[in-house]
PDB file of all heavy atoms in Angstrom:
ATOM      1  N   MET A   1     156.518 134.449 126.506  1.00  0.00           N
ATOM      2  CA  MET A   1     156.202 133.169 125.892  1.00  0.00           C
ATOM      3  C   MET A   1     156.909 132.014 126.593  1.00  0.00           C
ATOM      4  O   MET A   1     156.340 130.933 126.760  1.00  0.00           O
ATOM      5  CB  MET A   1     156.573 133.192 124.404  1.00  0.00           C
ATOM      6  CG  MET A   1     155.753 134.176 123.574  1.00  0.00           C
ATOM      7  SD  MET A   1     153.965 133.920 123.708  1.00  0.00           S
ATOM      8  CE  MET A   1     153.792 132.309 122.961  1.00  0.00           C
ATOM      9  N   GLN A   2     158.161 132.215 126.998  1.00  0.00           N
ATOM     10  CA  GLN A   2     158.881 131.165 127.709  1.00  0.00           C
ATOM     11  C   GLN A   2     158.498 131.124 129.184  1.00  0.00           C
ATOM     12  O   GLN A   2     158.477 130.060 129.804  1.00  0.00           O
ATOM     13  CB  GLN A   2     160.394 131.390 127.570  1.00  0.00           C
ATOM     14  CG  GLN A   2     160.896 131.370 126.138  1.00  0.00           C
ATOM     15  CD  GLN A   2     160.583 130.067 125.428  1.00  0.00           C
ATOM     16  OE1 GLN A   2     160.700 128.995 126.005  1.00  0.00           O
ATOM     17  NE2 GLN A   2     160.188 130.163 124.157  1.00  0.00           N
ATOM     18  N   GLY A   3     158.186 132.295 129.738  1.00  0.00           N
ATOM     19  CA  GLY A   3     157.843 132.366 131.157  1.00  0.00           C
ATOM     20  C   GLY A   3     156.536 131.703 131.491  1.00  0.00           C
ATOM     21  O   GLY A   3     156.347 131.217 132.620  1.00  0.00           O
ATOM     22  N   ILE A   4     155.610 131.661 130.540  1.00  0.00           N
ATOM     23  CA  ILE A   4     154.332 130.983 130.777  1.00  0.00           C
ATOM     24  C   ILE A   4     154.569 129.529 131.158  1.00  0.00           C
ATOM     25  O   ILE A   4     153.931 129.000 132.084  1.00  0.00           O
ATOM     26  CB  ILE A   4     153.434 131.079 129.521  1.00  0.00           C
ATOM     27  CG1 ILE A   4     152.960 132.505 129.304  1.00  0.00           C
ATOM     28  CG2 ILE A   4     152.236 130.137 129.639  1.00  0.00           C
ATOM     29  CD1 ILE A   4     152.146 132.703 128.043  1.00  0.00           C
ATOM     30  N   ASN A   5     155.503 128.874 130.471  1.00  0.00           N
ATOM     31  CA  ASN A   5     155.804 127.466 130.771  1.00  0.00           C
ATOM     32  C   ASN A   5     156.316 127.311 132.201  1.00  0.00           C
ATOM     33  O   ASN A   5     155.940 126.371 132.907  1.00  0.00           O
ATOM     34  CB  ASN A   5     156.843 126.931 129.789  1.00  0.00           C
ATOM     35  CG  ASN A   5     156.370 126.986 128.351  1.00  0.00           C
ATOM     36  OD1 ASN A   5     155.168 126.941 128.095  1.00  0.00           O
ATOM     37  ND2 ASN A   5     157.291 127.094 127.420  1.00  0.00           N
ATOM     38  N   ILE A   6     157.185 128.221 132.605  1.00  0.00           N
ATOM     39  CA  ILE A   6     157.768 128.147 133.952  1.00  0.00           C
ATOM     40  C   ILE A   6     156.699 128.360 135.012  1.00  0.00           C
ATOM     41  O   ILE A   6     156.625 127.614 136.006  1.00  0.00           O
ATOM     42  CB  ILE A   6     158.897 129.184 134.099  1.00  0.00           C
ATOM     43  CG1 ILE A   6     160.019 128.892 133.097  1.00  0.00           C
ATOM     44  CG2 ILE A   6     159.434 129.197 135.522  1.00  0.00           C
ATOM     45  CD1 ILE A   6     161.102 129.949 133.061  1.00  0.00           C
ATOM     46  N   VAL A   7     155.844 129.357 134.812  1.00  0.00           N
ATOM     47  CA  VAL A   7     154.803 129.658 135.798  1.00  0.00           C
ATOM     48  C   VAL A   7     153.811 128.498 135.897  1.00  0.00           C
ATOM     49  O   VAL A   7     153.397 128.109 136.999  1.00  0.00           O
ATOM     50  CB  VAL A   7     154.079 130.969 135.423  1.00  0.00           C
ATOM     51  CG1 VAL A   7     152.905 131.211 136.364  1.00  0.00           C
ATOM     52  CG2 VAL A   7     155.041 132.148 135.476  1.00  0.00           C
ATOM     53  N   LEU A   8     153.428 127.928 134.748  1.00  0.00           N
ATOM     54  CA  LEU A   8     152.516 126.776 134.768  1.00  0.00           C
ATOM     55  C   LEU A   8     153.140 125.594 135.493  1.00  0.00           C
ATOM     56  O   LEU A   8     152.466 124.878 136.244  1.00  0.00           O
ATOM     57  CB  LEU A   8     152.151 126.376 133.333  1.00  0.00           C
ATOM     58  CG  LEU A   8     151.155 127.271 132.593  1.00  0.00           C
ATOM     59  CD1 LEU A   8     151.032 126.850 131.139  1.00  0.00           C
ATOM     60  CD2 LEU A   8     149.787 127.237 133.261  1.00  0.00           C
ATOM     61  N   ASN A   9     154.429 125.397 135.287  1.00  0.00           N
ATOM     62  CA  ASN A   9     155.137 124.295 135.934  1.00  0.00           C
ATOM     63  C   ASN A   9     155.195 124.485 137.445  1.00  0.00           C
ATOM     64  O   ASN A   9     155.075 123.530 138.218  1.00  0.00           O
ATOM     65  CB  ASN A   9     156.548 124.184 135.354  1.00  0.00           C
ATOM     66  CG  ASN A   9     157.255 122.919 135.794  1.00  0.00           C
ATOM     67  OD1 ASN A   9     156.614 121.922 136.117  1.00  0.00           O
ATOM     68  ND2 ASN A   9     158.568 122.951 135.810  1.00  0.00           N
ATOM     69  N   ILE A  10     155.370 125.731 137.886  1.00  0.00           N
ATOM     70  CA  ILE A  10     155.460 126.019 139.326  1.00  0.00           C
ATOM     71  C   ILE A  10     154.123 125.797 140.024  1.00  0.00           C
ATOM     72  O   ILE A  10     154.062 125.187 141.102  1.00  0.00           O
ATOM     73  CB  ILE A  10     155.950 127.467 139.546  1.00  0.00           C
ATOM     74  CG1 ILE A  10     157.410 127.600 139.099  1.00  0.00           C
ATOM     75  CG2 ILE A  10     155.796 127.877 141.009  1.00  0.00           C
ATOM     76  CD1 ILE A  10     157.937 129.016 139.131  1.00  0.00           C
ATOM     77  N   PHE A  11     153.040 126.275 139.409  1.00  0.00           N
ATOM     78  CA  PHE A  11     151.750 126.250 140.089  1.00  0.00           C
ATOM     79  C   PHE A  11     150.964 124.965 139.853  1.00  0.00           C
ATOM     80  O   PHE A  11     150.053 124.652 140.616  1.00  0.00           O
ATOM     81  CB  PHE A  11     150.905 127.445 139.647  1.00  0.00           C
ATOM     82  CG  PHE A  11     151.295 128.728 140.320  1.00  0.00           C
ATOM     83  CD1 PHE A  11     152.215 129.580 139.739  1.00  0.00           C
ATOM     84  CD2 PHE A  11     150.767 129.067 141.554  1.00  0.00           C
ATOM     85  CE1 PHE A  11     152.587 130.758 140.359  1.00  0.00           C
ATOM     86  CE2 PHE A  11     151.124 130.241 142.184  1.00  0.00           C
ATOM     87  CZ  PHE A  11     152.045 131.091 141.590  1.00  0.00           C
ATOM     88  N   PHE A  12     151.301 124.228 138.830  1.00  0.00           N
ATOM     89  CA  PHE A  12     150.536 123.019 138.542  1.00  0.00           C
ATOM     90  C   PHE A  12     151.480 121.811 138.510  1.00  0.00           C
ATOM     91  O   PHE A  12     151.935 121.374 139.547  1.00  0.00           O
ATOM     92  CB  PHE A  12     149.742 123.196 137.240  1.00  0.00           C
ATOM     93  CG  PHE A  12     148.768 124.335 137.335  1.00  0.00           C
ATOM     94  CD1 PHE A  12     149.098 125.592 136.820  1.00  0.00           C
ATOM     95  CD2 PHE A  12     147.542 124.184 137.965  1.00  0.00           C
ATOM     96  CE1 PHE A  12     148.214 126.661 136.932  1.00  0.00           C
ATOM     97  CE2 PHE A  12     146.658 125.247 138.073  1.00  0.00           C
ATOM     98  CZ  PHE A  12     146.994 126.484 137.562  1.00  0.00           C
ATOM     99  N   CYS A  13     151.776 121.273 137.372  1.00  0.00           N
ATOM    100  CA  CYS A  13     152.666 120.125 137.324  1.00  0.00           C
ATOM    101  C   CYS A  13     153.426 120.140 136.010  1.00  0.00           C
ATOM    102  O   CYS A  13     153.084 120.869 135.080  1.00  0.00           O
ATOM    103  CB  CYS A  13     151.896 118.811 137.485  1.00  0.00           C
ATOM    104  SG  CYS A  13     150.697 118.524 136.164  1.00  0.00           S
ATOM    105  N   VAL A  14     154.452 119.288 135.939  1.00  0.00           N
ATOM    106  CA  VAL A  14     155.291 119.251 134.746  1.00  0.00           C
ATOM    107  C   VAL A  14     154.518 118.754 133.536  1.00  0.00           C
ATOM    108  O   VAL A  14     154.837 119.096 132.386  1.00  0.00           O
ATOM    109  CB  VAL A  14     156.531 118.378 135.003  1.00  0.00           C
ATOM    110  CG1 VAL A  14     156.126 116.912 135.140  1.00  0.00           C
ATOM    111  CG2 VAL A  14     157.569 118.547 133.908  1.00  0.00           C
ATOM    112  N   PHE A  15     153.456 117.955 133.771  1.00  0.00           N
ATOM    113  CA  PHE A  15     152.659 117.453 132.655  1.00  0.00           C
ATOM    114  C   PHE A  15     151.908 118.583 131.934  1.00  0.00           C
ATOM    115  O   PHE A  15     151.522 118.438 130.786  1.00  0.00           O
ATOM    116  CB  PHE A  15     151.667 116.395 133.149  1.00  0.00           C
ATOM    117  CG  PHE A  15     152.335 115.189 133.745  1.00  0.00           C
ATOM    118  CD1 PHE A  15     152.346 114.986 135.109  1.00  0.00           C
ATOM    119  CD2 PHE A  15     152.977 114.274 132.925  1.00  0.00           C
ATOM    120  CE1 PHE A  15     152.966 113.873 135.658  1.00  0.00           C
ATOM    121  CE2 PHE A  15     153.598 113.162 133.460  1.00  0.00           C
ATOM    122  CZ  PHE A  15     153.606 112.966 134.835  1.00  0.00           C
ATOM    123  N   MET A  16     151.715 119.698 132.638  1.00  0.00           N
ATOM    124  CA  MET A  16     151.064 120.841 132.017  1.00  0.00           C
ATOM    125  C   MET A  16     151.913 121.385 130.872  1.00  0.00           C
ATOM    126  O   MET A  16     151.394 121.919 129.892  1.00  0.00           O
ATOM    127  CB  MET A  16     150.825 121.936 133.056  1.00  0.00           C
ATOM    128  CG  MET A  16     149.810 122.979 132.637  1.00  0.00           C
ATOM    129  SD  MET A  16     148.140 122.326 132.490  1.00  0.00           S
ATOM    130  CE  MET A  16     147.800 121.902 134.194  1.00  0.00           C
ATOM    131  N   ASN A  17     153.223 121.236 130.997  1.00  0.00           N
ATOM    132  CA  ASN A  17     154.124 121.707 129.941  1.00  0.00           C
ATOM    133  C   ASN A  17     153.978 120.893 128.664  1.00  0.00           C
ATOM    134  O   ASN A  17     154.250 121.397 127.572  1.00  0.00           O
ATOM    135  CB  ASN A  17     155.577 121.666 130.415  1.00  0.00           C
ATOM    136  CG  ASN A  17     155.893 122.790 131.380  1.00  0.00           C
ATOM    137  OD1 ASN A  17     155.176 123.781 131.455  1.00  0.00           O
ATOM    138  ND2 ASN A  17     156.960 122.633 132.135  1.00  0.00           N
ATOM    139  N   ALA A  18     153.561 119.640 128.790  1.00  0.00           N
ATOM    140  CA  ALA A  18     153.327 118.824 127.593  1.00  0.00           C
ATOM    141  C   ALA A  18     152.164 119.397 126.789  1.00  0.00           C
ATOM    142  O   ALA A  18     152.241 119.523 125.561  1.00  0.00           O
ATOM    143  CB  ALA A  18     153.042 117.382 127.984  1.00  0.00           C
ATOM    144  N   ALA A  19     151.082 119.745 127.487  1.00  0.00           N
ATOM    145  CA  ALA A  19     149.935 120.359 126.819  1.00  0.00           C
ATOM    146  C   ALA A  19     150.316 121.710 126.224  1.00  0.00           C
ATOM    147  O   ALA A  19     149.945 122.041 125.097  1.00  0.00           O
ATOM    148  CB  ALA A  19     148.787 120.520 127.809  1.00  0.00           C
ATOM    149  N   ARG A  20     151.089 122.463 126.985  1.00  0.00           N
ATOM    150  CA  ARG A  20     151.539 123.775 126.509  1.00  0.00           C
ATOM    151  C   ARG A  20     152.467 123.633 125.293  1.00  0.00           C
ATOM    152  O   ARG A  20     152.396 124.427 124.348  1.00  0.00           O
ATOM    153  CB  ARG A  20     152.258 124.484 127.656  1.00  0.00           C
ATOM    154  CG  ARG A  20     153.047 125.709 127.283  1.00  0.00           C
ATOM    155  CD  ARG A  20     152.179 126.857 126.876  1.00  0.00           C
ATOM    156  NE  ARG A  20     153.002 128.002 126.522  1.00  0.00           N
ATOM    157  CZ  ARG A  20     152.610 129.023 125.784  1.00  0.00           C
ATOM    158  NH1 ARG A  20     151.379 129.040 125.316  1.00  0.00           N
ATOM    159  NH2 ARG A  20     153.407 130.011 125.498  1.00  0.00           N
ATOM    160  N   GLY A  21     153.302 122.610 125.298  1.00  0.00           N
ATOM    161  CA  GLY A  21     154.218 122.392 124.183  1.00  0.00           C
ATOM    162  C   GLY A  21     153.484 122.077 122.894  1.00  0.00           C
ATOM    163  O   GLY A  21     153.872 122.548 121.817  1.00  0.00           O
ATOM    164  N   ILE A  22     152.428 121.286 122.982  1.00  0.00           N
ATOM    165  CA  ILE A  22     151.624 120.960 121.800  1.00  0.00           C
ATOM    166  C   ILE A  22     150.958 122.219 121.247  1.00  0.00           C
ATOM    167  O   ILE A  22     150.967 122.479 120.036  1.00  0.00           O
ATOM    168  CB  ILE A  22     150.578 119.894 122.148  1.00  0.00           C
ATOM    169  CG1 ILE A  22     151.273 118.577 122.491  1.00  0.00           C
ATOM    170  CG2 ILE A  22     149.593 119.701 121.000  1.00  0.00           C
ATOM    171  CD1 ILE A  22     150.365 117.541 123.101  1.00  0.00           C
ATOM    172  N   ALA A  23     150.382 123.033 122.162  1.00  0.00           N
ATOM    173  CA  ALA A  23     149.733 124.274 121.736  1.00  0.00           C
ATOM    174  C   ALA A  23     150.740 125.229 121.100  1.00  0.00           C
ATOM    175  O   ALA A  23     150.429 125.925 120.130  1.00  0.00           O
ATOM    176  CB  ALA A  23     149.047 124.935 122.923  1.00  0.00           C
ATOM    177  N   THR A  24     151.963 125.237 121.647  1.00  0.00           N
ATOM    178  CA  THR A  24     153.001 126.117 121.115  1.00  0.00           C
ATOM    179  C   THR A  24     153.394 125.704 119.698  1.00  0.00           C
ATOM    180  O   THR A  24     153.680 126.561 118.851  1.00  0.00           O
ATOM    181  CB  THR A  24     154.234 126.094 122.029  1.00  0.00           C
ATOM    182  OG1 THR A  24     153.855 126.505 123.356  1.00  0.00           O
ATOM    183  CG2 THR A  24     155.318 127.027 121.517  1.00  0.00           C
ATOM    184  N   GLN A  25     153.425 124.400 119.427  1.00  0.00           N
ATOM    185  CA  GLN A  25     153.732 123.937 118.075  1.00  0.00           C
ATOM    186  C   GLN A  25     152.678 124.402 117.072  1.00  0.00           C
ATOM    187  O   GLN A  25     153.009 124.862 115.973  1.00  0.00           O
ATOM    188  CB  GLN A  25     153.835 122.409 118.059  1.00  0.00           C
ATOM    189  CG  GLN A  25     155.065 121.857 118.757  1.00  0.00           C
ATOM    190  CD  GLN A  25     155.189 120.354 118.564  1.00  0.00           C
ATOM    191  OE1 GLN A  25     155.173 119.861 117.445  1.00  0.00           O
ATOM    192  NE2 GLN A  25     155.307 119.627 119.662  1.00  0.00           N
ATOM    193  N   VAL A  26     151.416 124.280 117.462  1.00  0.00           N
ATOM    194  CA  VAL A  26     150.330 124.749 116.589  1.00  0.00           C
ATOM    195  C   VAL A  26     150.449 126.253 116.376  1.00  0.00           C
ATOM    196  O   VAL A  26     150.326 126.758 115.247  1.00  0.00           O
ATOM    197  CB  VAL A  26     148.961 124.394 117.199  1.00  0.00           C
ATOM    198  CG1 VAL A  26     147.827 124.988 116.360  1.00  0.00           C
ATOM    199  CG2 VAL A  26     148.804 122.892 117.328  1.00  0.00           C
ATOM    200  N   GLU A  27     150.705 126.964 117.454  1.00  0.00           N
ATOM    201  CA  GLU A  27     150.858 128.419 117.372  1.00  0.00           C
ATOM    202  C   GLU A  27     152.019 128.809 116.462  1.00  0.00           C
ATOM    203  O   GLU A  27     151.914 129.739 115.657  1.00  0.00           O
ATOM    204  CB  GLU A  27     151.081 128.982 118.779  1.00  0.00           C
ATOM    205  CG  GLU A  27     151.236 130.483 118.836  1.00  0.00           C
ATOM    206  CD  GLU A  27     151.470 130.971 120.250  1.00  0.00           C
ATOM    207  OE1 GLU A  27     151.400 130.154 121.192  1.00  0.00           O
ATOM    208  OE2 GLU A  27     151.738 132.172 120.425  1.00  0.00           O
ATOM    209  N   GLY A  28     153.123 128.081 116.567  1.00  0.00           N
ATOM    210  CA  GLY A  28     154.292 128.382 115.758  1.00  0.00           C
ATOM    211  C   GLY A  28     154.039 128.202 114.270  1.00  0.00           C
ATOM    212  O   GLY A  28     154.520 128.995 113.453  1.00  0.00           O
ATOM    213  N   ILE A  29     153.273 127.174 113.915  1.00  0.00           N
ATOM    214  CA  ILE A  29     152.960 126.926 112.508  1.00  0.00           C
ATOM    215  C   ILE A  29     152.134 128.074 111.930  1.00  0.00           C
ATOM    216  O   ILE A  29     152.415 128.594 110.839  1.00  0.00           O
ATOM    217  CB  ILE A  29     152.209 125.590 112.354  1.00  0.00           C
ATOM    218  CG1 ILE A  29     153.125 124.421 112.729  1.00  0.00           C
ATOM    219  CG2 ILE A  29     151.691 125.423 110.932  1.00  0.00           C
ATOM    220  CD1 ILE A  29     152.408 123.096 112.826  1.00  0.00           C
TER     221      ILE A  29
END
């Protein structure tokens, strides 16, 4: 779950983590 953020950041951009963070909040609820 944490590694997905790192891999997305490496292959794409840091802004991808913002989208991932929002999805993670929904998932957590």
